[in-house]
Amino acid sequence: MVTVEQIRAVALSLPRSYEAVVRDRVKFRVGQIVYVALSRDETSMGFAYPKEERDALIASGPAKFFPPSKSDERFNWVQVHLSALDEPEMRELVIDAWRMCVPKKVSDTVQR
């Protein structure tokens, strides 16, 4: 199981990324764009993901991935149960979500 501390370590190592607490939820942002958000109970993580690929990701692991809330369906967003993630997969999801929010020249500075 992935911990909040592990997510924080990856997210805060990324250029332009910072942590914010909004309504008792930990979120990681680039500017005003949230690319990772943890549930209040810290058992799930929402992350930026292309809408057009969302259904395929959820279908590939329905016990792991789940759709965003109805109000967030219009966004590029997916959620995952932290208990189903290992650290390498979490790192990949966080970095890919971050890449959606930064210019290519910035994202090219970070290796997976």
PDB file of N, CA and C in Angstrom:
ATOM      1  N   MET A   1       0.846  -1.189   0.000  1.00  0.00           N
ATOM      2  CA  MET A   1       0.000   0.000   0.000  1.00  0.00           C
ATOM      3  C   MET A   1       0.885   1.243   0.000  1.00  0.00           C
ATOM      4  N   VAL A   2       0.493   2.205  -0.781  1.00  0.00           N
ATOM      5  CA  VAL A   2       1.213   3.469  -0.880  1.00  0.00           C
ATOM      6  C   VAL A   2       0.753   4.402   0.237  1.00  0.00           C
ATOM      7  N   THR A   3       1.690   5.156   0.784  1.00  0.00           N
ATOM      8  CA  THR A   3       1.357   6.097   1.854  1.00  0.00           C
ATOM      9  C   THR A   3       1.321   7.528   1.327  1.00  0.00           C
ATOM     10  N   VAL A   4       0.701   8.395   2.092  1.00  0.00           N
ATOM     11  CA  VAL A   4       0.654   9.813   1.748  1.00  0.00           C
ATOM     12  C   VAL A   4       2.069  10.384   1.693  1.00  0.00           C
ATOM     13  N   GLU A   5       2.930   9.938   2.581  1.00  0.00           N
ATOM     14  CA  GLU A   5       4.308  10.428   2.605  1.00  0.00           C
ATOM     15  C   GLU A   5       5.047  10.072   1.312  1.00  0.00           C
ATOM     16  N   GLN A   6       4.793   8.884   0.783  1.00  0.00           N
ATOM     17  CA  GLN A   6       5.418   8.488  -0.479  1.00  0.00           C
ATOM     18  C   GLN A   6       4.909   9.348  -1.640  1.00  0.00           C
ATOM     19  N   ILE A   7       3.608   9.607  -1.660  1.00  0.00           N
ATOM     20  CA  ILE A   7       3.036  10.471  -2.698  1.00  0.00           C
ATOM     21  C   ILE A   7       3.620  11.869  -2.580  1.00  0.00           C
ATOM     22  N   ARG A   8       3.666  12.382  -1.365  1.00  0.00           N
ATOM     23  CA  ARG A   8       4.206  13.717  -1.113  1.00  0.00           C
ATOM     24  C   ARG A   8       5.650  13.827  -1.604  1.00  0.00           C
ATOM     25  N   ALA A   9       6.461  12.818  -1.321  1.00  0.00           N
ATOM     26  CA  ALA A   9       7.869  12.837  -1.732  1.00  0.00           C
ATOM     27  C   ALA A   9       8.006  12.939  -3.244  1.00  0.00           C
ATOM     28  N   VAL A  10       7.184  12.190  -3.969  1.00  0.00           N
ATOM     29  CA  VAL A  10       7.240  12.245  -5.435  1.00  0.00           C
ATOM     30  C   VAL A  10       6.733  13.596  -5.920  1.00  0.00           C
ATOM     31  N   ALA A  11       5.576  14.002  -5.457  1.00  0.00           N
ATOM     32  CA  ALA A  11       4.959  15.243  -5.944  1.00  0.00           C
ATOM     33  C   ALA A  11       5.827  16.466  -5.667  1.00  0.00           C
ATOM     34  N   LEU A  12       6.381  16.558  -4.480  1.00  0.00           N
ATOM     35  CA  LEU A  12       7.168  17.741  -4.134  1.00  0.00           C
ATOM     36  C   LEU A  12       8.544  17.746  -4.780  1.00  0.00           C
ATOM     37  N   SER A  13       8.940  16.629  -5.367  1.00  0.00           N
ATOM     38  CA  SER A  13      10.222  16.592  -6.078  1.00  0.00           C
ATOM     39  C   SER A  13      10.086  17.132  -7.506  1.00  0.00           C
ATOM     40  N   LEU A  14       8.862  17.345  -7.951  1.00  0.00           N
ATOM     41  CA  LEU A  14       8.610  17.773  -9.328  1.00  0.00           C
ATOM     42  C   LEU A  14       8.657  19.298  -9.441  1.00  0.00           C
ATOM     43  N   PRO A  15       9.280  19.818 -10.491  1.00  0.00           N
ATOM     44  CA  PRO A  15       9.354  21.265 -10.685  1.00  0.00           C
ATOM     45  C   PRO A  15       7.963  21.906 -10.731  1.00  0.00           C
ATOM     46  N   ARG A  16       7.851  23.050 -10.093  1.00  0.00           N
ATOM     47  CA  ARG A  16       6.631  23.879 -10.063  1.00  0.00           C
ATOM     48  C   ARG A  16       5.514  23.281  -9.226  1.00  0.00           C
ATOM     49  N   SER A  17       5.725  22.154  -8.597  1.00  0.00           N
ATOM     50  CA  SER A  17       4.691  21.485  -7.822  1.00  0.00           C
ATOM     51  C   SER A  17       4.727  21.967  -6.372  1.00  0.00           C
ATOM     52  N   TYR A  18       3.528  22.124  -5.786  1.00  0.00           N
ATOM     53  CA  TYR A  18       3.456  22.467  -4.366  1.00  0.00           C
ATOM     54  C   TYR A  18       2.224  21.814  -3.747  1.00  0.00           C
ATOM     55  N   GLU A  19       2.224  21.758  -2.433  1.00  0.00           N
ATOM     56  CA  GLU A  19       1.141  21.131  -1.687  1.00  0.00           C
ATOM     57  C   GLU A  19       0.207  22.199  -1.140  1.00  0.00           C
ATOM     58  N   ALA A  20      -1.077  21.892  -1.139  1.00  0.00           N
ATOM     59  CA  ALA A  20      -2.078  22.771  -0.546  1.00  0.00           C
ATOM     60  C   ALA A  20      -3.082  21.898   0.199  1.00  0.00           C
ATOM     61  N   VAL A  21      -3.632  22.424   1.271  1.00  0.00           N
ATOM     62  CA  VAL A  21      -4.690  21.735   1.994  1.00  0.00           C
ATOM     63  C   VAL A  21      -5.964  22.543   1.775  1.00  0.00           C
ATOM     64  N   VAL A  22      -6.954  21.894   1.155  1.00  0.00           N
ATOM     65  CA  VAL A  22      -8.217  22.547   0.842  1.00  0.00           C
ATOM     66  C   VAL A  22      -9.341  21.707   1.435  1.00  0.00           C
ATOM     67  N   ARG A  23     -10.094  22.302   2.343  1.00  0.00           N
ATOM     68  CA  ARG A  23     -11.197  21.595   3.018  1.00  0.00           C
ATOM     69  C   ARG A  23     -10.735  20.254   3.575  1.00  0.00           C
ATOM     70  N   ASP A  24      -9.643  20.288   4.294  1.00  0.00           N
ATOM     71  CA  ASP A  24      -9.076  19.107   4.952  1.00  0.00           C
ATOM     72  C   ASP A  24      -8.595  18.029   3.988  1.00  0.00           C
ATOM     73  N   ARG A  25      -8.344  18.390   2.728  1.00  0.00           N
ATOM     74  CA  ARG A  25      -7.826  17.434   1.750  1.00  0.00           C
ATOM     75  C   ARG A  25      -6.479  17.912   1.242  1.00  0.00           C
ATOM     76  N   VAL A  26      -5.525  16.992   1.182  1.00  0.00           N
ATOM     77  CA  VAL A  26      -4.204  17.299   0.640  1.00  0.00           C
ATOM     78  C   VAL A  26      -4.298  17.266  -0.876  1.00  0.00           C
ATOM     79  N   LYS A  27      -3.800  18.350  -1.496  1.00  0.00           N
ATOM     80  CA  LYS A  27      -3.798  18.441  -2.960  1.00  0.00           C
ATOM     81  C   LYS A  27      -2.428  18.897  -3.414  1.00  0.00           C
ATOM     82  N   PHE A  28      -2.052  18.452  -4.594  1.00  0.00           N
ATOM     83  CA  PHE A  28      -0.785  18.880  -5.195  1.00  0.00           C
ATOM     84  C   PHE A  28      -1.127  19.620  -6.472  1.00  0.00           C
ATOM     85  N   ARG A  29      -0.482  20.779  -6.626  1.00  0.00           N
ATOM     86  CA  ARG A  29      -0.820  21.684  -7.712  1.00  0.00           C
ATOM     87  C   ARG A  29       0.402  22.148  -8.478  1.00  0.00           C
ATOM     88  N   VAL A  30       0.112  22.606  -9.689  1.00  0.00           N
ATOM     89  CA  VAL A  30       1.039  23.396 -10.491  1.00  0.00           C
ATOM     90  C   VAL A  30       0.251  24.665 -10.780  1.00  0.00           C
ATOM     91  N   GLY A  31       0.706  25.802 -10.277  1.00  0.00           N
ATOM     92  CA  GLY A  31      -0.104  27.014 -10.376  1.00  0.00           C
ATOM     93  C   GLY A  31      -1.402  26.776  -9.631  1.00  0.00           C
ATOM     94  N   GLN A  32      -2.527  27.016 -10.285  1.00  0.00           N
ATOM     95  CA  GLN A  32      -3.828  26.763  -9.664  1.00  0.00           C
ATOM     96  C   GLN A  32      -4.440  25.427 -10.098  1.00  0.00           C
ATOM     97  N   ILE A  33      -3.715  24.667 -10.904  1.00  0.00           N
ATOM     98  CA  ILE A  33      -4.234  23.395 -11.423  1.00  0.00           C
ATOM     99  C   ILE A  33      -3.890  22.254 -10.469  1.00  0.00           C
ATOM    100  N   VAL A  34      -4.904  21.572  -9.996  1.00  0.00           N
ATOM    101  CA  VAL A  34      -4.714  20.393  -9.137  1.00  0.00           C
ATOM    102  C   VAL A  34      -4.471  19.189 -10.039  1.00  0.00           C
ATOM    103  N   TYR A  35      -3.377  18.472  -9.772  1.00  0.00           N
ATOM    104  CA  TYR A  35      -3.109  17.268 -10.571  1.00  0.00           C
ATOM    105  C   TYR A  35      -3.185  15.994  -9.742  1.00  0.00           C
ATOM    106  N   VAL A  36      -3.126  16.104  -8.415  1.00  0.00           N
ATOM    107  CA  VAL A  36      -3.314  14.965  -7.513  1.00  0.00           C
ATOM    108  C   VAL A  36      -4.045  15.474  -6.281  1.00  0.00           C
ATOM    109  N   ALA A  37      -5.032  14.712  -5.822  1.00  0.00           N
ATOM    110  CA  ALA A  37      -5.759  15.049  -4.602  1.00  0.00           C
ATOM    111  C   ALA A  37      -6.037  13.763  -3.829  1.00  0.00           C
ATOM    112  N   LEU A  38      -5.870  13.845  -2.531  1.00  0.00           N
ATOM    113  CA  LEU A  38      -6.129  12.690  -1.672  1.00  0.00           C
ATOM    114  C   LEU A  38      -7.494  12.840  -1.008  1.00  0.00           C
ATOM    115  N   SER A  39      -8.162  11.729  -0.788  1.00  0.00           N
ATOM    116  CA  SER A  39      -9.437  11.770  -0.084  1.00  0.00           C
ATOM    117  C   SER A  39      -9.197  12.194   1.362  1.00  0.00           C
ATOM    118  N   ARG A  40     -10.238  12.656   2.024  1.00  0.00           N
ATOM    119  CA  ARG A  40     -10.096  13.103   3.422  1.00  0.00           C
ATOM    120  C   ARG A  40      -9.543  11.996   4.314  1.00  0.00           C
ATOM    121  N   ASP A  41      -9.976  10.756   4.075  1.00  0.00           N
ATOM    122  CA  ASP A  41      -9.501   9.637   4.899  1.00  0.00           C
ATOM    123  C   ASP A  41      -8.189   9.043   4.373  1.00  0.00           C
ATOM    124  N   GLU A  42      -7.664   9.646   3.292  1.00  0.00           N
ATOM    125  CA  GLU A  42      -6.379   9.256   2.704  1.00  0.00           C
ATOM    126  C   GLU A  42      -6.327   7.793   2.272  1.00  0.00           C
ATOM    127  N   THR A  43      -7.457   7.278   1.793  1.00  0.00           N
ATOM    128  CA  THR A  43      -7.500   5.906   1.283  1.00  0.00           C
ATOM    129  C   THR A  43      -7.558   5.861  -0.240  1.00  0.00           C
ATOM    130  N   SER A  44      -7.821   7.010  -0.860  1.00  0.00           N
ATOM    131  CA  SER A  44      -7.855   7.055  -2.318  1.00  0.00           C
ATOM    132  C   SER A  44      -7.190   8.333  -2.812  1.00  0.00           C
ATOM    133  N   MET A  45      -6.797   8.280  -4.079  1.00  0.00           N
ATOM    134  CA  MET A  45      -6.119   9.408  -4.708  1.00  0.00           C
ATOM    135  C   MET A  45      -6.781   9.693  -6.041  1.00  0.00           C
ATOM    136  N   GLY A  46      -7.137  10.937  -6.267  1.00  0.00           N
ATOM    137  CA  GLY A  46      -7.608  11.371  -7.575  1.00  0.00           C
ATOM    138  C   GLY A  46      -6.417  11.940  -8.315  1.00  0.00           C
ATOM    139  N   PHE A  47      -6.387  11.764  -9.629  1.00  0.00           N
ATOM    140  CA  PHE A  47      -5.239  12.265 -10.383  1.00  0.00           C
ATOM    141  C   PHE A  47      -5.674  12.639 -11.799  1.00  0.00           C
ATOM    142  N   ALA A  48      -4.952  13.583 -12.378  1.00  0.00           N
ATOM    143  CA  ALA A  48      -5.226  14.014 -13.745  1.00  0.00           C
ATOM    144  C   ALA A  48      -4.960  12.854 -14.691  1.00  0.00           C
ATOM    145  N   TYR A  49      -5.894  12.682 -15.626  1.00  0.00           N
ATOM    146  CA  TYR A  49      -5.783  11.598 -16.599  1.00  0.00           C
ATOM    147  C   TYR A  49      -6.667  11.967 -17.784  1.00  0.00           C
ATOM    148  N   PRO A  50      -6.236  11.696 -18.995  1.00  0.00           N
ATOM    149  CA  PRO A  50      -7.038  12.084 -20.160  1.00  0.00           C
ATOM    150  C   PRO A  50      -8.445  11.471 -20.136  1.00  0.00           C
ATOM    151  N   LYS A  51      -9.458  12.319 -20.285  1.00  0.00           N
ATOM    152  CA  LYS A  51     -10.848  11.846 -20.273  1.00  0.00           C
ATOM    153  C   LYS A  51     -11.104  10.754 -21.298  1.00  0.00           C
ATOM    154  N   GLU A  52     -10.511  10.909 -22.481  1.00  0.00           N
ATOM    155  CA  GLU A  52     -10.786   9.947 -23.551  1.00  0.00           C
ATOM    156  C   GLU A  52     -10.192   8.567 -23.267  1.00  0.00           C
ATOM    157  N   GLU A  53      -9.297   8.462 -22.292  1.00  0.00           N
ATOM    158  CA  GLU A  53      -8.687   7.180 -21.932  1.00  0.00           C
ATOM    159  C   GLU A  53      -9.191   6.648 -20.587  1.00  0.00           C
ATOM    160  N   ARG A  54     -10.020   7.435 -19.917  1.00  0.00           N
ATOM    161  CA  ARG A  54     -10.474   7.104 -18.560  1.00  0.00           C
ATOM    162  C   ARG A  54     -11.203   5.759 -18.504  1.00  0.00           C
ATOM    163  N   ASP A  55     -12.175   5.536 -19.385  1.00  0.00           N
ATOM    164  CA  ASP A  55     -12.951   4.281 -19.341  1.00  0.00           C
ATOM    165  C   ASP A  55     -12.071   3.051 -19.522  1.00  0.00           C
ATOM    166  N   ALA A  56     -11.081   3.152 -20.396  1.00  0.00           N
ATOM    167  CA  ALA A  56     -10.172   2.021 -20.627  1.00  0.00           C
ATOM    168  C   ALA A  56      -9.332   1.732 -19.386  1.00  0.00           C
ATOM    169  N   LEU A  57      -8.862   2.782 -18.717  1.00  0.00           N
ATOM    170  CA  LEU A  57      -8.077   2.577 -17.492  1.00  0.00           C
ATOM    171  C   LEU A  57      -8.924   1.915 -16.415  1.00  0.00           C
ATOM    172  N   ILE A  58     -10.130   2.413 -16.214  1.00  0.00           N
ATOM    173  CA  ILE A  58     -11.013   1.837 -15.194  1.00  0.00           C
ATOM    174  C   ILE A  58     -11.338   0.380 -15.534  1.00  0.00           C
ATOM    175  N   ALA A  59     -11.597   0.100 -16.814  1.00  0.00           N
ATOM    176  CA  ALA A  59     -11.907  -1.275 -17.232  1.00  0.00           C
ATOM    177  C   ALA A  59     -10.711  -2.209 -17.047  1.00  0.00           C
ATOM    178  N   SER A  60      -9.496  -1.661 -17.137  1.00  0.00           N
ATOM    179  CA  SER A  60      -8.299  -2.497 -16.987  1.00  0.00           C
ATOM    180  C   SER A  60      -8.065  -2.939 -15.543  1.00  0.00           C
ATOM    181  N   GLY A  61      -8.636  -2.237 -14.602  1.00  0.00           N
ATOM    182  CA  GLY A  61      -8.473  -2.592 -13.192  1.00  0.00           C
ATOM    183  C   GLY A  61      -9.625  -2.068 -12.364  1.00  0.00           C
ATOM    184  N   PRO A  62     -10.840  -2.615 -12.541  1.00  0.00           N
ATOM    185  CA  PRO A  62     -12.017  -2.069 -11.859  1.00  0.00           C
ATOM    186  C   PRO A  62     -11.976  -2.168 -10.333  1.00  0.00           C
ATOM    187  N   ALA A  63     -11.153  -3.035  -9.792  1.00  0.00           N
ATOM    188  CA  ALA A  63     -11.011  -3.108  -8.336  1.00  0.00           C
ATOM    189  C   ALA A  63     -10.017  -2.056  -7.830  1.00  0.00           C
ATOM    190  N   LYS A  64      -9.251  -1.489  -8.746  1.00  0.00           N
ATOM    191  CA  LYS A  64      -8.227  -0.513  -8.397  1.00  0.00           C
ATOM    192  C   LYS A  64      -8.660   0.911  -8.734  1.00  0.00           C
ATOM    193  N   PHE A  65      -9.093   1.115  -9.981  1.00  0.00           N
ATOM    194  CA  PHE A  65      -9.452   2.445 -10.467  1.00  0.00           C
ATOM    195  C   PHE A  65     -10.960   2.643 -10.454  1.00  0.00           C
ATOM    196  N   PHE A  66     -11.391   3.884 -10.232  1.00  0.00           N
ATOM    197  CA  PHE A  66     -12.813   4.189 -10.280  1.00  0.00           C
ATOM    198  C   PHE A  66     -13.015   5.622 -10.767  1.00  0.00           C
ATOM    199  N   PRO A  67     -14.213   5.889 -11.311  1.00  0.00           N
ATOM    200  CA  PRO A  67     -14.448   7.199 -11.910  1.00  0.00           C
ATOM    201  C   PRO A  67     -14.527   8.303 -10.859  1.00  0.00           C
ATOM    202  N   PRO A  68     -14.364   9.539 -11.308  1.00  0.00           N
ATOM    203  CA  PRO A  68     -14.510  10.661 -10.385  1.00  0.00           C
ATOM    204  C   PRO A  68     -15.984  10.832 -10.001  1.00  0.00           C
ATOM    205  N   SER A  69     -16.226  11.685  -9.027  1.00  0.00           N
ATOM    206  CA  SER A  69     -17.604  11.991  -8.647  1.00  0.00           C
ATOM    207  C   SER A  69     -18.316  12.619  -9.843  1.00  0.00           C
ATOM    208  N   LYS A  70     -19.627  12.582  -9.835  1.00  0.00           N
ATOM    209  CA  LYS A  70     -20.419  13.132 -10.938  1.00  0.00           C
ATOM    210  C   LYS A  70     -20.008  14.567 -11.256  1.00  0.00           C
ATOM    211  N   SER A  71     -19.772  15.368 -10.223  1.00  0.00           N
ATOM    212  CA  SER A  71     -19.433  16.777 -10.450  1.00  0.00           C
ATOM    213  C   SER A  71     -18.054  16.954 -11.086  1.00  0.00           C
ATOM    214  N   ASP A  72     -17.201  15.938 -10.996  1.00  0.00           N
ATOM    215  CA  ASP A  72     -15.848  16.024 -11.564  1.00  0.00           C
ATOM    216  C   ASP A  72     -15.693  15.269 -12.889  1.00  0.00           C
ATOM    217  N   GLU A  73     -16.762  14.668 -13.395  1.00  0.00           N
ATOM    218  CA  GLU A  73     -16.658  13.891 -14.637  1.00  0.00           C
ATOM    219  C   GLU A  73     -16.249  14.737 -15.836  1.00  0.00           C
ATOM    220  N   ARG A  74     -16.512  16.034 -15.780  1.00  0.00           N
ATOM    221  CA  ARG A  74     -16.156  16.898 -16.909  1.00  0.00           C
ATOM    222  C   ARG A  74     -14.650  17.166 -16.975  1.00  0.00           C
ATOM    223  N   PHE A  75     -13.932  16.832 -15.909  1.00  0.00           N
ATOM    224  CA  PHE A  75     -12.494  17.065 -15.857  1.00  0.00           C
ATOM    225  C   PHE A  75     -11.705  15.826 -16.294  1.00  0.00           C
ATOM    226  N   ASN A  76     -10.444  16.029 -16.589  1.00  0.00           N
ATOM    227  CA  ASN A  76      -9.507  14.933 -16.858  1.00  0.00           C
ATOM    228  C   ASN A  76      -9.121  14.347 -15.502  1.00  0.00           C
ATOM    229  N   TRP A  77      -9.878  13.362 -15.029  1.00  0.00           N
ATOM    230  CA  TRP A  77      -9.693  12.909 -13.652  1.00  0.00           C
ATOM    231  C   TRP A  77     -10.104  11.463 -13.497  1.00  0.00           C
ATOM    232  N   VAL A  78      -9.340  10.704 -12.705  1.00  0.00           N
ATOM    233  CA  VAL A  78      -9.632   9.316 -12.338  1.00  0.00           C
ATOM    234  C   VAL A  78      -9.232   9.162 -10.880  1.00  0.00           C
ATOM    235  N   GLN A  79      -9.777   8.161 -10.220  1.00  0.00           N
ATOM    236  CA  GLN A  79      -9.414   7.894  -8.831  1.00  0.00           C
ATOM    237  C   GLN A  79      -8.894   6.462  -8.697  1.00  0.00           C
ATOM    238  N   VAL A  80      -8.099   6.267  -7.649  1.00  0.00           N
ATOM    239  CA  VAL A  80      -7.510   4.956  -7.412  1.00  0.00           C
ATOM    240  C   VAL A  80      -7.480   4.687  -5.903  1.00  0.00           C
ATOM    241  N   HIS A  81      -7.685   3.428  -5.538  1.00  0.00           N
ATOM    242  CA  HIS A  81      -7.568   3.011  -4.140  1.00  0.00           C
ATOM    243  C   HIS A  81      -6.081   2.862  -3.814  1.00  0.00           C
ATOM    244  N   LEU A  82      -5.608   3.547  -2.787  1.00  0.00           N
ATOM    245  CA  LEU A  82      -4.190   3.480  -2.433  1.00  0.00           C
ATOM    246  C   LEU A  82      -3.771   2.073  -2.010  1.00  0.00           C
ATOM    247  N   SER A  83      -4.681   1.320  -1.436  1.00  0.00           N
ATOM    248  CA  SER A  83      -4.348  -0.043  -1.000  1.00  0.00           C
ATOM    249  C   SER A  83      -4.028  -0.961  -2.181  1.00  0.00           C
ATOM    250  N   ALA A  84      -4.441  -0.575  -3.380  1.00  0.00           N
ATOM    251  CA  ALA A  84      -4.208  -1.396  -4.573  1.00  0.00           C
ATOM    252  C   ALA A  84      -2.969  -0.978  -5.355  1.00  0.00           C
ATOM    253  N   LEU A  85      -2.298   0.081  -4.906  1.00  0.00           N
ATOM    254  CA  LEU A  85      -1.136   0.613  -5.635  1.00  0.00           C
ATOM    255  C   LEU A  85       0.176   0.188  -5.010  1.00  0.00           C
ATOM    256  N   ASP A  86       1.177  -0.004  -5.853  1.00  0.00           N
ATOM    257  CA  ASP A  86       2.538  -0.148  -5.340  1.00  0.00           C
ATOM    258  C   ASP A  86       3.276   1.153  -5.652  1.00  0.00           C
ATOM    259  N   GLU A  87       4.447   1.308  -5.098  1.00  0.00           N
ATOM    260  CA  GLU A  87       5.165   2.576  -5.242  1.00  0.00           C
ATOM    261  C   GLU A  87       5.553   2.910  -6.683  1.00  0.00           C
ATOM    262  N   PRO A  88       6.070   1.965  -7.480  1.00  0.00           N
ATOM    263  CA  PRO A  88       6.410   2.323  -8.867  1.00  0.00           C
ATOM    264  C   PRO A  88       5.195   2.787  -9.681  1.00  0.00           C
ATOM    265  N   GLU A  89       4.057   2.130  -9.495  1.00  0.00           N
ATOM    266  CA  GLU A  89       2.859   2.536 -10.236  1.00  0.00           C
ATOM    267  C   GLU A  89       2.375   3.906  -9.768  1.00  0.00           C
ATOM    268  N   MET A  90       2.413   4.166  -8.455  1.00  0.00           N
ATOM    269  CA  MET A  90       2.019   5.469  -7.937  1.00  0.00           C
ATOM    270  C   MET A  90       2.903   6.551  -8.529  1.00  0.00           C
ATOM    271  N   ARG A  91       4.201   6.295  -8.558  1.00  0.00           N
ATOM    272  CA  ARG A  91       5.143   7.277  -9.103  1.00  0.00           C
ATOM    273  C   ARG A  91       4.796   7.600 -10.558  1.00  0.00           C
ATOM    274  N   GLU A  92       4.502   6.581 -11.337  1.00  0.00           N
ATOM    275  CA  GLU A  92       4.152   6.778 -12.747  1.00  0.00           C
ATOM    276  C   GLU A  92       2.868   7.599 -12.882  1.00  0.00           C
ATOM    277  N   LEU A  93       1.840   7.273 -12.075  1.00  0.00           N
ATOM    278  CA  LEU A  93       0.575   8.010 -12.145  1.00  0.00           C
ATOM    279  C   LEU A  93       0.750   9.471 -11.751  1.00  0.00           C
ATOM    280  N   VAL A  94       1.502   9.728 -10.683  1.00  0.00           N
ATOM    281  CA  VAL A  94       1.714  11.101 -10.219  1.00  0.00           C
ATOM    282  C   VAL A  94       2.500  11.903 -11.258  1.00  0.00           C
ATOM    283  N   ILE A  95       3.566  11.326 -11.779  1.00  0.00           N
ATOM    284  CA  ILE A  95       4.385  12.048 -12.764  1.00  0.00           C
ATOM    285  C   ILE A  95       3.596  12.303 -14.047  1.00  0.00           C
ATOM    286  N   ASP A  96       2.832  11.315 -14.508  1.00  0.00           N
ATOM    287  CA  ASP A  96       2.038  11.514 -15.719  1.00  0.00           C
ATOM    288  C   ASP A  96       0.963  12.582 -15.501  1.00  0.00           C
ATOM    289  N   ALA A  97       0.354  12.607 -14.317  1.00  0.00           N
ATOM    290  CA  ALA A  97      -0.639  13.642 -14.012  1.00  0.00           C
ATOM    291  C   ALA A  97       0.021  15.017 -14.008  1.00  0.00           C
ATOM    292  N   TRP A  98       1.189  15.114 -13.407  1.00  0.00           N
ATOM    293  CA  TRP A  98       1.940  16.373 -13.370  1.00  0.00           C
ATOM    294  C   TRP A  98       2.296  16.828 -14.785  1.00  0.00           C
ATOM    295  N   ARG A  99       2.696  15.903 -15.626  1.00  0.00           N
ATOM    296  CA  ARG A  99       3.054  16.236 -17.014  1.00  0.00           C
ATOM    297  C   ARG A  99       1.898  16.899 -17.765  1.00  0.00           C
ATOM    298  N   MET A 100       0.675  16.593 -17.400  1.00  0.00           N
ATOM    299  CA  MET A 100      -0.482  17.202 -18.060  1.00  0.00           C
ATOM    300  C   MET A 100      -0.615  18.688 -17.724  1.00  0.00           C
ATOM    301  N   CYS A 101       0.106  19.152 -16.701  1.00  0.00           N
ATOM    302  CA  CYS A 101      -0.067  20.518 -16.197  1.00  0.00           C
ATOM    303  C   CYS A 101       1.111  21.443 -16.447  1.00  0.00           C
ATOM    304  N   VAL A 102       2.189  20.917 -16.948  1.00  0.00           N
ATOM    305  CA  VAL A 102       3.378  21.752 -17.153  1.00  0.00           C
ATOM    306  C   VAL A 102       3.761  21.776 -18.633  1.00  0.00           C
ATOM    307  N   PRO A 103       4.503  22.810 -19.034  1.00  0.00           N
ATOM    308  CA  PRO A 103       4.982  22.854 -20.418  1.00  0.00           C
ATOM    309  C   PRO A 103       5.913  21.677 -20.714  1.00  0.00           C
ATOM    310  N   LYS A 104       5.960  21.278 -21.964  1.00  0.00           N
ATOM    311  CA  LYS A 104       6.787  20.143 -22.384  1.00  0.00           C
ATOM    312  C   LYS A 104       8.249  20.327 -21.987  1.00  0.00           C
ATOM    313  N   LYS A 105       8.771  21.539 -22.107  1.00  0.00           N
ATOM    314  CA  LYS A 105      10.177  21.760 -21.756  1.00  0.00           C
ATOM    315  C   LYS A 105      10.422  21.492 -20.273  1.00  0.00           C
ATOM    316  N   VAL A 106       9.428  21.698 -19.434  1.00  0.00           N
ATOM    317  CA  VAL A 106       9.564  21.388 -18.007  1.00  0.00           C
ATOM    318  C   VAL A 106       9.410  19.890 -17.781  1.00  0.00           C
ATOM    319  N   SER A 107       8.401  19.278 -18.421  1.00  0.00           N
ATOM    320  CA  SER A 107       8.188  17.838 -18.202  1.00  0.00           C
ATOM    321  C   SER A 107       9.351  16.997 -18.720  1.00  0.00           C
ATOM    322  N   ASP A 108      10.035  17.496 -19.731  1.00  0.00           N
ATOM    323  CA  ASP A 108      11.185  16.761 -20.277  1.00  0.00           C
ATOM    324  C   ASP A 108      12.374  16.703 -19.310  1.00  0.00           C
ATOM    325  N   THR A 109      12.347  17.498 -18.248  1.00  0.00           N
ATOM    326  CA  THR A 109      13.443  17.500 -17.273  1.00  0.00           C
ATOM    327  C   THR A 109      13.340  16.372 -16.261  1.00  0.00           C
ATOM    328  N   VAL A 110      12.197  15.674 -16.255  1.00  0.00           N
ATOM    329  CA  VAL A 110      11.950  14.631 -15.248  1.00  0.00           C
ATOM    330  C   VAL A 110      11.844  13.259 -15.915  1.00  0.00           C
ATOM    331  N   GLN A 111      12.597  12.325 -15.404  1.00  0.00           N
ATOM    332  CA  GLN A 111      12.527  10.932 -15.862  1.00  0.00           C
ATOM    333  C   GLN A 111      11.598  10.157 -14.960  1.00  0.00           C
ATOM    334  N   ARG A 112      10.976   9.126 -15.502  1.00  0.00           N
ATOM    335  CA  ARG A 112      10.112   8.270 -14.682  1.00  0.00           C
ATOM    336  C   ARG A 112      10.900   7.450 -13.722  1.00  0.00           C
TER     337      ARG A 112
END
